[in-house]
Amino acid sequence: MLKLREGTGSDLARFYSALQMDFDERELFSPASIRKAMRSGAQEFLIFYDDQTSITEGYALCCTKSVYGYVLLKYFGILPWYRDHGVGVEAMRLLHKRYADRQGILAELTVFEDSEDGEYLRKLKRFFARFGYTEVPFSYRIGGAKGILTAKPLRGTAEIAPIARRLLLDFYSRCLRPAQLEKMLAFDP
């Protein structure tokens, strides 16, 4: 059975290469930024593991501090050899259970123009929609790429477009210095 535990700095060091394989370098927080945010409680690096074998099957990095009570699922990945076996579904259920007392969970999808794989983005959208995530009508960029913000209400609402900018600034400013923030996050007019 899949279980979830809070990861440590050592776990981050072991699995950062998995993040580098799963996400474009332009959208990645540096390991130092993540460790700093983990120490302050602004982020959690979560590990999904099989409780019988203790083998890690996936990970998630969540920005957890927010004045609005939401959580930002920044990175979510299942290790390649466990994909297409229902692990992602179980992991998502564990995430929802972990944050059930929050207003909701936000998830970001990025669309890099040099990526030609539109099917991959459609698959991601379907996966998140399956769990009740809806696209927020809000335009912004992550590392120069188009960002798609999705929201899953838990106790709050998915209607966060009026405060989306403040929410994202709140999450990102807790883990990035101003120069890094300016490079990572941009809002479209």
N, C-alpha and C. Protein backbone atom coordinates (compact mmCIF):
# COMPACT_ATOMS: atom_id res chain seq x y z
N MET A 1 0.84 -1.17 0.00
CA MET A 1 0.00 0.00 0.00
C MET A 1 0.89 1.25 0.00
N LEU A 2 0.50 2.23 -0.76
CA LEU A 2 1.27 3.46 -0.87
C LEU A 2 1.06 4.32 0.38
N LYS A 3 2.14 4.85 0.89
CA LYS A 3 2.12 5.74 2.05
C LYS A 3 2.86 7.02 1.69
N LEU A 4 2.69 8.01 2.55
CA LEU A 4 3.31 9.31 2.33
C LEU A 4 4.07 9.69 3.60
N ARG A 5 5.24 10.26 3.41
CA ARG A 5 5.98 10.81 4.55
C ARG A 5 6.65 12.11 4.12
N GLU A 6 6.93 12.94 5.11
CA GLU A 6 7.63 14.19 4.82
C GLU A 6 9.10 13.88 4.60
N GLY A 7 9.63 14.35 3.50
CA GLY A 7 11.02 14.10 3.16
C GLY A 7 11.96 15.04 3.90
N THR A 8 13.22 14.67 3.90
CA THR A 8 14.28 15.45 4.55
C THR A 8 15.16 16.09 3.48
N GLY A 9 16.13 16.85 3.92
CA GLY A 9 17.12 17.41 3.00
C GLY A 9 17.88 16.32 2.27
N SER A 10 18.13 15.19 2.95
CA SER A 10 18.81 14.05 2.32
C SER A 10 17.95 13.46 1.21
N ASP A 11 16.65 13.37 1.46
CA ASP A 11 15.74 12.88 0.42
C ASP A 11 15.75 13.80 -0.79
N LEU A 12 15.74 15.10 -0.53
CA LEU A 12 15.78 16.07 -1.63
C LEU A 12 17.05 15.87 -2.45
N ALA A 13 18.18 15.71 -1.78
CA ALA A 13 19.45 15.50 -2.50
C ALA A 13 19.39 14.24 -3.35
N ARG A 14 18.79 13.17 -2.82
CA ARG A 14 18.69 11.91 -3.56
C ARG A 14 17.77 12.03 -4.77
N PHE A 15 16.69 12.79 -4.65
CA PHE A 15 15.67 12.81 -5.70
C PHE A 15 15.67 14.08 -6.55
N TYR A 16 16.58 15.00 -6.30
CA TYR A 16 16.60 16.21 -7.12
C TYR A 16 16.86 15.88 -8.59
N SER A 17 17.65 14.86 -8.85
CA SER A 17 17.89 14.48 -10.25
C SER A 17 16.59 14.01 -10.92
N ALA A 18 15.67 13.41 -10.15
CA ALA A 18 14.37 13.02 -10.71
C ALA A 18 13.58 14.27 -11.09
N LEU A 19 13.64 15.31 -10.27
CA LEU A 19 12.98 16.57 -10.61
C LEU A 19 13.58 17.14 -11.88
N GLN A 20 14.91 17.06 -12.01
CA GLN A 20 15.57 17.58 -13.21
C GLN A 20 15.16 16.82 -14.46
N MET A 21 14.85 15.54 -14.33
CA MET A 21 14.39 14.76 -15.48
C MET A 21 12.93 15.07 -15.81
N ASP A 22 12.12 15.31 -14.78
CA ASP A 22 10.69 15.49 -14.97
C ASP A 22 10.28 16.92 -15.31
N PHE A 23 11.11 17.90 -14.96
CA PHE A 23 10.73 19.31 -15.14
C PHE A 23 11.83 20.06 -15.86
N ASP A 24 11.43 21.06 -16.62
CA ASP A 24 12.38 21.90 -17.35
C ASP A 24 13.18 22.72 -16.34
N GLU A 25 14.47 22.89 -16.61
CA GLU A 25 15.34 23.62 -15.68
C GLU A 25 14.88 25.06 -15.46
N ARG A 26 14.16 25.63 -16.43
CA ARG A 26 13.69 27.02 -16.29
C ARG A 26 12.59 27.17 -15.25
N GLU A 27 11.93 26.07 -14.89
CA GLU A 27 10.86 26.15 -13.90
C GLU A 27 11.25 25.56 -12.55
N LEU A 28 12.49 25.11 -12.42
CA LEU A 28 12.93 24.46 -11.18
C LEU A 28 13.49 25.45 -10.17
N PHE A 29 13.08 25.28 -8.92
CA PHE A 29 13.74 25.96 -7.81
C PHE A 29 15.08 25.28 -7.60
N SER A 30 16.07 26.01 -7.15
CA SER A 30 17.37 25.41 -6.86
C SER A 30 17.26 24.56 -5.59
N PRO A 31 18.13 23.57 -5.45
CA PRO A 31 18.11 22.78 -4.21
C PRO A 31 18.29 23.65 -2.96
N ALA A 32 19.15 24.67 -3.05
CA ALA A 32 19.37 25.55 -1.89
C ALA A 32 18.08 26.30 -1.52
N SER A 33 17.33 26.77 -2.52
CA SER A 33 16.07 27.47 -2.26
C SER A 33 15.05 26.54 -1.62
N ILE A 34 15.01 25.31 -2.09
CA ILE A 34 14.05 24.34 -1.55
C ILE A 34 14.42 23.99 -0.10
N ARG A 35 15.71 23.72 0.14
CA ARG A 35 16.14 23.39 1.51
C ARG A 35 15.82 24.52 2.47
N LYS A 36 16.07 25.76 2.05
CA LYS A 36 15.79 26.92 2.90
C LYS A 36 14.29 27.00 3.20
N ALA A 37 13.47 26.80 2.17
CA ALA A 37 12.01 26.86 2.35
C ALA A 37 11.52 25.70 3.21
N MET A 38 12.15 24.54 3.08
CA MET A 38 11.77 23.40 3.92
C MET A 38 12.08 23.70 5.39
N ARG A 39 13.24 24.30 5.65
CA ARG A 39 13.62 24.62 7.03
C ARG A 39 12.67 25.63 7.66
N SER A 40 12.17 26.56 6.85
CA SER A 40 11.26 27.58 7.39
C SER A 40 9.81 27.11 7.45
N GLY A 41 9.53 25.94 6.90
CA GLY A 41 8.17 25.41 6.88
C GLY A 41 7.34 25.92 5.72
N ALA A 42 7.96 26.64 4.78
CA ALA A 42 7.22 27.18 3.63
C ALA A 42 6.98 26.12 2.57
N GLN A 43 7.79 25.06 2.57
CA GLN A 43 7.62 23.98 1.60
C GLN A 43 7.79 22.64 2.30
N GLU A 44 7.14 21.63 1.71
CA GLU A 44 7.32 20.25 2.15
C GLU A 44 7.72 19.43 0.94
N PHE A 45 8.76 18.64 1.11
CA PHE A 45 9.14 17.67 0.09
C PHE A 45 8.58 16.34 0.57
N LEU A 46 7.62 15.81 -0.16
CA LEU A 46 6.91 14.61 0.26
C LEU A 46 7.38 13.40 -0.55
N ILE A 47 7.44 12.28 0.12
CA ILE A 47 7.88 11.02 -0.49
C ILE A 47 6.71 10.04 -0.44
N PHE A 48 6.41 9.43 -1.58
CA PHE A 48 5.42 8.37 -1.66
C PHE A 48 6.18 7.05 -1.73
N TYR A 49 5.86 6.14 -0.82
CA TYR A 49 6.61 4.89 -0.75
C TYR A 49 5.69 3.71 -0.48
N ASP A 50 6.14 2.53 -0.87
CA ASP A 50 5.41 1.28 -0.62
C ASP A 50 5.68 0.89 0.83
N ASP A 51 4.65 0.73 1.62
CA ASP A 51 4.84 0.45 3.04
C ASP A 51 5.38 -0.96 3.32
N GLN A 52 5.30 -1.86 2.36
CA GLN A 52 5.81 -3.22 2.56
C GLN A 52 7.31 -3.30 2.25
N THR A 53 7.74 -2.60 1.20
CA THR A 53 9.13 -2.68 0.78
C THR A 53 9.94 -1.44 1.15
N SER A 54 9.27 -0.36 1.53
CA SER A 54 9.90 0.93 1.83
C SER A 54 10.55 1.56 0.60
N ILE A 55 10.20 1.10 -0.58
CA ILE A 55 10.76 1.63 -1.82
C ILE A 55 9.98 2.88 -2.22
N THR A 56 10.72 3.94 -2.52
CA THR A 56 10.11 5.19 -2.95
C THR A 56 9.58 5.04 -4.37
N GLU A 57 8.34 5.52 -4.59
CA GLU A 57 7.72 5.41 -5.90
C GLU A 57 7.42 6.78 -6.52
N GLY A 58 7.45 7.84 -5.71
CA GLY A 58 7.16 9.17 -6.23
C GLY A 58 7.47 10.24 -5.22
N TYR A 59 7.24 11.49 -5.63
CA TYR A 59 7.56 12.64 -4.78
C TYR A 59 6.63 13.80 -5.12
N ALA A 60 6.60 14.77 -4.23
CA ALA A 60 5.88 16.02 -4.49
C ALA A 60 6.56 17.12 -3.69
N LEU A 61 6.61 18.29 -4.25
CA LEU A 61 7.08 19.47 -3.53
C LEU A 61 5.89 20.42 -3.44
N CYS A 62 5.50 20.73 -2.24
CA CYS A 62 4.34 21.59 -2.01
C CYS A 62 4.74 22.84 -1.25
N CYS A 63 4.27 23.97 -1.71
CA CYS A 63 4.40 25.22 -0.98
C CYS A 63 3.21 25.26 -0.03
N THR A 64 3.49 25.30 1.26
CA THR A 64 2.44 25.07 2.24
C THR A 64 2.02 26.31 3.03
N LYS A 65 2.87 27.32 3.08
CA LYS A 65 2.50 28.52 3.83
C LYS A 65 1.82 29.50 2.89
N SER A 66 0.67 29.96 3.32
CA SER A 66 -0.08 30.92 2.52
C SER A 66 -1.04 31.67 3.43
N VAL A 67 -1.10 32.97 3.27
CA VAL A 67 -2.04 33.75 4.07
C VAL A 67 -3.48 33.43 3.70
N TYR A 68 -3.69 32.77 2.57
CA TYR A 68 -5.04 32.46 2.11
C TYR A 68 -5.48 31.03 2.44
N GLY A 69 -4.58 30.21 2.97
CA GLY A 69 -4.96 28.86 3.37
C GLY A 69 -4.90 27.81 2.27
N TYR A 70 -4.30 28.15 1.12
CA TYR A 70 -4.16 27.19 0.02
C TYR A 70 -2.76 26.58 0.05
N VAL A 71 -2.61 25.48 -0.66
CA VAL A 71 -1.34 24.81 -0.85
C VAL A 71 -1.06 24.82 -2.35
N LEU A 72 0.22 25.02 -2.72
CA LEU A 72 0.61 24.97 -4.12
C LEU A 72 1.40 23.70 -4.37
N LEU A 73 0.86 22.81 -5.18
CA LEU A 73 1.57 21.61 -5.61
C LEU A 73 2.49 22.05 -6.75
N LYS A 74 3.74 22.29 -6.40
CA LYS A 74 4.69 22.84 -7.36
C LYS A 74 5.24 21.75 -8.29
N TYR A 75 5.68 20.64 -7.69
CA TYR A 75 6.21 19.52 -8.48
C TYR A 75 5.57 18.23 -7.97
N PHE A 76 5.20 17.39 -8.91
CA PHE A 76 4.60 16.09 -8.58
C PHE A 76 5.12 15.10 -9.60
N GLY A 77 5.72 14.02 -9.13
CA GLY A 77 6.26 13.05 -10.07
C GLY A 77 6.24 11.65 -9.51
N ILE A 78 6.01 10.73 -10.40
CA ILE A 78 6.09 9.30 -10.10
C ILE A 78 7.32 8.79 -10.84
N LEU A 79 8.14 8.02 -10.15
CA LEU A 79 9.36 7.50 -10.78
C LEU A 79 8.98 6.67 -12.00
N PRO A 80 9.78 6.75 -13.08
CA PRO A 80 9.39 6.17 -14.37
C PRO A 80 8.93 4.72 -14.33
N TRP A 81 9.56 3.88 -13.55
CA TRP A 81 9.21 2.46 -13.55
C TRP A 81 7.92 2.16 -12.79
N TYR A 82 7.32 3.18 -12.13
CA TYR A 82 6.03 2.98 -11.43
C TYR A 82 4.87 3.68 -12.14
N ARG A 83 5.16 4.35 -13.24
CA ARG A 83 4.11 5.06 -13.97
C ARG A 83 3.19 4.06 -14.66
N ASP A 84 1.96 4.49 -14.87
CA ASP A 84 0.93 3.68 -15.53
C ASP A 84 0.58 2.42 -14.75
N HIS A 85 0.73 2.48 -13.42
CA HIS A 85 0.35 1.37 -12.54
C HIS A 85 -0.57 1.85 -11.42
N GLY A 86 -1.16 3.04 -11.58
CA GLY A 86 -2.08 3.56 -10.58
C GLY A 86 -1.42 4.26 -9.40
N VAL A 87 -0.10 4.37 -9.41
CA VAL A 87 0.61 5.01 -8.30
C VAL A 87 0.27 6.50 -8.23
N GLY A 88 0.18 7.16 -9.36
CA GLY A 88 -0.16 8.59 -9.38
C GLY A 88 -1.53 8.86 -8.78
N VAL A 89 -2.47 7.98 -9.07
CA VAL A 89 -3.83 8.12 -8.52
C VAL A 89 -3.79 7.99 -7.00
N GLU A 90 -3.11 6.96 -6.51
CA GLU A 90 -2.99 6.77 -5.06
C GLU A 90 -2.27 7.94 -4.41
N ALA A 91 -1.20 8.40 -5.05
CA ALA A 91 -0.42 9.52 -4.50
C ALA A 91 -1.27 10.79 -4.41
N MET A 92 -2.06 11.04 -5.43
CA MET A 92 -2.91 12.23 -5.42
C MET A 92 -3.95 12.14 -4.30
N ARG A 93 -4.50 10.97 -4.08
CA ARG A 93 -5.45 10.79 -2.97
C ARG A 93 -4.79 11.06 -1.62
N LEU A 94 -3.55 10.61 -1.47
CA LEU A 94 -2.82 10.87 -0.22
C LEU A 94 -2.56 12.36 -0.03
N LEU A 95 -2.24 13.06 -1.11
CA LEU A 95 -2.05 14.51 -1.03
C LEU A 95 -3.32 15.21 -0.58
N HIS A 96 -4.44 14.83 -1.16
CA HIS A 96 -5.71 15.46 -0.80
C HIS A 96 -6.05 15.19 0.65
N LYS A 97 -5.76 13.99 1.11
CA LYS A 97 -6.02 13.65 2.51
C LYS A 97 -5.11 14.47 3.43
N ARG A 98 -3.85 14.61 3.05
CA ARG A 98 -2.89 15.36 3.88
C ARG A 98 -3.32 16.81 4.06
N TYR A 99 -3.85 17.41 3.01
CA TYR A 99 -4.19 18.83 3.05
C TYR A 99 -5.70 19.07 3.16
N ALA A 100 -6.44 18.12 3.65
CA ALA A 100 -7.90 18.22 3.72
C ALA A 100 -8.38 19.39 4.56
N ASP A 101 -7.56 19.87 5.48
CA ASP A 101 -7.96 20.99 6.32
C ASP A 101 -7.68 22.36 5.68
N ARG A 102 -7.11 22.37 4.50
CA ARG A 102 -6.78 23.62 3.80
C ARG A 102 -7.95 24.08 2.94
N GLN A 103 -7.86 25.31 2.46
CA GLN A 103 -8.90 25.85 1.58
C GLN A 103 -8.94 25.11 0.25
N GLY A 104 -7.76 24.73 -0.24
CA GLY A 104 -7.69 24.02 -1.51
C GLY A 104 -6.25 23.80 -1.92
N ILE A 105 -6.09 23.09 -3.02
CA ILE A 105 -4.77 22.82 -3.56
C ILE A 105 -4.70 23.42 -4.96
N LEU A 106 -3.65 24.14 -5.22
CA LEU A 106 -3.39 24.70 -6.54
C LEU A 106 -2.28 23.87 -7.18
N ALA A 107 -2.35 23.68 -8.47
CA ALA A 107 -1.31 22.97 -9.20
C ALA A 107 -0.98 23.76 -10.45
N GLU A 108 0.31 23.82 -10.76
CA GLU A 108 0.77 24.54 -11.94
C GLU A 108 1.17 23.56 -13.04
N LEU A 109 0.81 23.90 -14.26
CA LEU A 109 1.28 23.18 -15.44
C LEU A 109 2.01 24.22 -16.29
N THR A 110 3.10 23.84 -16.91
CA THR A 110 3.84 24.79 -17.74
C THR A 110 3.85 24.33 -19.19
N VAL A 111 3.84 25.31 -20.08
CA VAL A 111 3.81 25.04 -21.51
C VAL A 111 5.00 25.76 -22.14
N PHE A 112 6.09 25.05 -22.35
CA PHE A 112 7.25 25.64 -23.00
C PHE A 112 7.05 25.58 -24.50
N GLU A 113 7.25 26.72 -25.16
CA GLU A 113 6.97 26.81 -26.60
C GLU A 113 7.87 25.90 -27.42
N ASP A 114 9.06 25.57 -26.89
CA ASP A 114 9.95 24.69 -27.64
C ASP A 114 9.60 23.22 -27.44
N SER A 115 8.57 22.96 -26.66
CA SER A 115 8.09 21.59 -26.47
C SER A 115 6.95 21.34 -27.44
N GLU A 116 7.08 20.33 -28.24
CA GLU A 116 6.08 20.03 -29.26
C GLU A 116 5.06 18.98 -28.81
N ASP A 117 5.18 18.52 -27.55
CA ASP A 117 4.35 17.41 -27.10
C ASP A 117 3.03 17.89 -26.50
N GLY A 118 2.09 18.27 -27.35
CA GLY A 118 0.77 18.71 -26.90
C GLY A 118 -0.02 17.59 -26.24
N GLU A 119 0.24 16.36 -26.64
CA GLU A 119 -0.46 15.21 -26.04
C GLU A 119 -0.10 15.08 -24.56
N TYR A 120 1.14 15.33 -24.21
CA TYR A 120 1.57 15.25 -22.82
C TYR A 120 0.79 16.25 -21.96
N LEU A 121 0.63 17.48 -22.45
CA LEU A 121 -0.12 18.50 -21.72
C LEU A 121 -1.59 18.10 -21.58
N ARG A 122 -2.18 17.57 -22.65
CA ARG A 122 -3.58 17.11 -22.58
C ARG A 122 -3.73 15.99 -21.54
N LYS A 123 -2.76 15.09 -21.49
CA LYS A 123 -2.79 14.00 -20.53
C LYS A 123 -2.70 14.54 -19.09
N LEU A 124 -1.82 15.51 -18.88
CA LEU A 124 -1.71 16.12 -17.55
C LEU A 124 -3.01 16.82 -17.14
N LYS A 125 -3.59 17.56 -18.06
CA LYS A 125 -4.85 18.25 -17.77
C LYS A 125 -5.95 17.25 -17.40
N ARG A 126 -6.02 16.15 -18.16
CA ARG A 126 -7.02 15.11 -17.86
C ARG A 126 -6.77 14.49 -16.49
N PHE A 127 -5.51 14.25 -16.16
CA PHE A 127 -5.17 13.67 -14.87
C PHE A 127 -5.66 14.57 -13.73
N PHE A 128 -5.34 15.85 -13.81
CA PHE A 128 -5.74 16.76 -12.74
C PHE A 128 -7.26 16.97 -12.73
N ALA A 129 -7.88 17.03 -13.89
CA ALA A 129 -9.34 17.19 -13.96
C ALA A 129 -10.04 16.00 -13.30
N ARG A 130 -9.46 14.84 -13.44
CA ARG A 130 -10.02 13.62 -12.83
C ARG A 130 -10.18 13.78 -11.32
N PHE A 131 -9.35 14.62 -10.71
CA PHE A 131 -9.39 14.84 -9.26
C PHE A 131 -10.09 16.13 -8.88
N GLY A 132 -10.77 16.75 -9.83
CA GLY A 132 -11.55 17.94 -9.51
C GLY A 132 -10.81 19.26 -9.65
N TYR A 133 -9.63 19.25 -10.28
CA TYR A 133 -8.90 20.50 -10.51
C TYR A 133 -9.51 21.19 -11.72
N THR A 134 -9.75 22.48 -11.60
CA THR A 134 -10.27 23.25 -12.73
C THR A 134 -9.28 24.36 -13.06
N GLU A 135 -9.23 24.70 -14.32
CA GLU A 135 -8.30 25.74 -14.76
C GLU A 135 -8.78 27.11 -14.30
N VAL A 136 -7.85 27.88 -13.74
CA VAL A 136 -8.15 29.22 -13.26
C VAL A 136 -7.91 30.18 -14.42
N PRO A 137 -8.87 31.05 -14.76
CA PRO A 137 -8.67 32.00 -15.86
C PRO A 137 -7.72 33.12 -15.42
N PHE A 138 -6.44 32.84 -15.57
CA PHE A 138 -5.40 33.74 -15.11
C PHE A 138 -4.18 33.53 -15.99
N SER A 139 -3.53 34.60 -16.42
CA SER A 139 -2.43 34.50 -17.36
C SER A 139 -1.10 34.91 -16.69
N TYR A 140 -0.15 33.98 -16.70
CA TYR A 140 1.16 34.28 -16.14
C TYR A 140 2.21 33.37 -16.76
N ARG A 141 3.48 33.61 -16.40
CA ARG A 141 4.59 32.85 -16.95
C ARG A 141 5.47 32.33 -15.82
N ILE A 142 5.98 31.12 -16.02
CA ILE A 142 6.91 30.48 -15.08
C ILE A 142 8.19 30.19 -15.85
N GLY A 143 9.28 30.83 -15.46
CA GLY A 143 10.54 30.61 -16.17
C GLY A 143 10.44 30.93 -17.64
N GLY A 144 9.60 31.87 -18.00
CA GLY A 144 9.41 32.27 -19.39
C GLY A 144 8.35 31.49 -20.13
N ALA A 145 7.84 30.43 -19.54
CA ALA A 145 6.83 29.59 -20.19
C ALA A 145 5.44 29.96 -19.71
N LYS A 146 4.47 29.70 -20.55
CA LYS A 146 3.08 29.93 -20.15
C LYS A 146 2.74 29.03 -18.97
N GLY A 147 2.17 29.63 -17.94
CA GLY A 147 1.73 28.87 -16.78
C GLY A 147 0.23 28.63 -16.84
N ILE A 148 -0.17 27.46 -16.45
CA ILE A 148 -1.59 27.14 -16.34
C ILE A 148 -1.83 26.81 -14.87
N LEU A 149 -2.64 27.61 -14.22
CA LEU A 149 -2.94 27.41 -12.81
C LEU A 149 -4.26 26.66 -12.70
N THR A 150 -4.24 25.58 -11.93
CA THR A 150 -5.46 24.82 -11.68
C THR A 150 -5.74 24.83 -10.19
N ALA A 151 -7.00 24.69 -9.82
CA ALA A 151 -7.39 24.73 -8.41
C ALA A 151 -8.34 23.60 -8.09
N LYS A 152 -8.11 23.01 -6.93
CA LYS A 152 -9.02 21.98 -6.39
C LYS A 152 -9.51 22.52 -5.06
N PRO A 153 -10.78 22.90 -4.98
CA PRO A 153 -11.28 23.37 -3.70
C PRO A 153 -11.43 22.21 -2.72
N LEU A 154 -11.05 22.44 -1.50
CA LEU A 154 -11.26 21.45 -0.45
C LEU A 154 -12.28 22.01 0.53
N ARG A 155 -11.96 23.11 1.16
CA ARG A 155 -12.90 23.79 2.05
C ARG A 155 -13.26 25.16 1.49
N GLY A 156 -12.46 25.62 0.54
CA GLY A 156 -12.66 26.94 -0.04
C GLY A 156 -13.28 26.85 -1.42
N THR A 157 -12.86 27.74 -2.29
CA THR A 157 -13.43 27.83 -3.63
C THR A 157 -12.34 27.70 -4.69
N ALA A 158 -12.74 27.32 -5.88
CA ALA A 158 -11.82 27.29 -7.03
C ALA A 158 -11.82 28.64 -7.74
N GLU A 159 -12.70 29.52 -7.33
CA GLU A 159 -12.82 30.86 -7.95
C GLU A 159 -11.77 31.79 -7.36
N ILE A 160 -10.51 31.56 -7.71
CA ILE A 160 -9.43 32.33 -7.11
C ILE A 160 -8.78 33.33 -8.08
N ALA A 161 -9.31 33.45 -9.28
CA ALA A 161 -8.71 34.34 -10.28
C ALA A 161 -8.45 35.76 -9.73
N PRO A 162 -9.38 36.35 -8.96
CA PRO A 162 -9.12 37.71 -8.46
C PRO A 162 -7.91 37.82 -7.52
N ILE A 163 -7.55 36.71 -6.87
CA ILE A 163 -6.42 36.77 -5.95
C ILE A 163 -5.25 35.90 -6.39
N ALA A 164 -5.29 35.36 -7.59
CA ALA A 164 -4.26 34.44 -8.07
C ALA A 164 -2.87 35.08 -8.04
N ARG A 165 -2.77 36.31 -8.46
CA ARG A 165 -1.47 36.99 -8.47
C ARG A 165 -0.90 37.07 -7.06
N ARG A 166 -1.73 37.48 -6.10
CA ARG A 166 -1.26 37.60 -4.71
C ARG A 166 -0.91 36.22 -4.14
N LEU A 167 -1.70 35.22 -4.47
CA LEU A 167 -1.41 33.86 -4.01
C LEU A 167 -0.04 33.39 -4.50
N LEU A 168 0.19 33.53 -5.79
CA LEU A 168 1.46 33.06 -6.36
C LEU A 168 2.64 33.85 -5.81
N LEU A 169 2.50 35.16 -5.70
CA LEU A 169 3.57 35.97 -5.12
C LEU A 169 3.86 35.55 -3.69
N ASP A 170 2.82 35.26 -2.94
CA ASP A 170 2.98 34.81 -1.56
C ASP A 170 3.78 33.51 -1.52
N PHE A 171 3.41 32.52 -2.33
CA PHE A 171 4.12 31.25 -2.35
C PHE A 171 5.58 31.41 -2.79
N TYR A 172 5.79 32.08 -3.92
CA TYR A 172 7.12 32.19 -4.49
C TYR A 172 8.04 33.06 -3.63
N SER A 173 7.52 34.12 -3.04
CA SER A 173 8.37 35.03 -2.26
C SER A 173 8.87 34.37 -0.97
N ARG A 174 8.22 33.34 -0.54
CA ARG A 174 8.66 32.63 0.67
C ARG A 174 9.86 31.72 0.42
N CYS A 175 10.18 31.48 -0.86
CA CYS A 175 11.28 30.56 -1.14
C CYS A 175 12.31 31.13 -2.13
N LEU A 176 12.03 32.26 -2.72
CA LEU A 176 12.98 32.85 -3.67
C LEU A 176 13.35 34.27 -3.25
N ARG A 177 14.59 34.64 -3.51
CA ARG A 177 15.01 36.02 -3.30
C ARG A 177 14.37 36.88 -4.40
N PRO A 178 14.28 38.20 -4.18
CA PRO A 178 13.60 39.06 -5.17
C PRO A 178 14.11 38.91 -6.60
N ALA A 179 15.43 38.82 -6.80
CA ALA A 179 15.97 38.68 -8.16
C ALA A 179 15.55 37.34 -8.77
N GLN A 180 15.56 36.27 -7.96
CA GLN A 180 15.13 34.95 -8.44
C GLN A 180 13.64 34.97 -8.76
N LEU A 181 12.88 35.61 -7.91
CA LEU A 181 11.42 35.70 -8.10
C LEU A 181 11.10 36.40 -9.41
N GLU A 182 11.79 37.50 -9.67
CA GLU A 182 11.55 38.26 -10.90
C GLU A 182 11.88 37.44 -12.14
N LYS A 183 12.90 36.61 -12.04
CA LYS A 183 13.31 35.76 -13.17
C LYS A 183 12.33 34.59 -13.37
N MET A 184 11.78 34.07 -12.27
CA MET A 184 10.93 32.87 -12.32
C MET A 184 9.48 33.18 -12.66
N LEU A 185 8.93 34.27 -12.14
CA LEU A 185 7.50 34.50 -12.20
C LEU A 185 7.19 35.85 -12.86
N ALA A 186 6.34 35.84 -13.86
CA ALA A 186 5.93 37.08 -14.54
C ALA A 186 4.44 37.00 -14.81
N PHE A 187 3.78 38.14 -14.69
CA PHE A 187 2.34 38.18 -14.89
C PHE A 187 2.03 38.89 -16.20
N ASP A 188 1.15 38.30 -16.98
CA ASP A 188 0.74 38.89 -18.25
C ASP A 188 -0.26 40.00 -17.97
N PRO A 189 -0.25 41.03 -18.82
CA PRO A 189 -1.20 42.15 -18.61
C PRO A 189 -2.63 41.74 -18.82
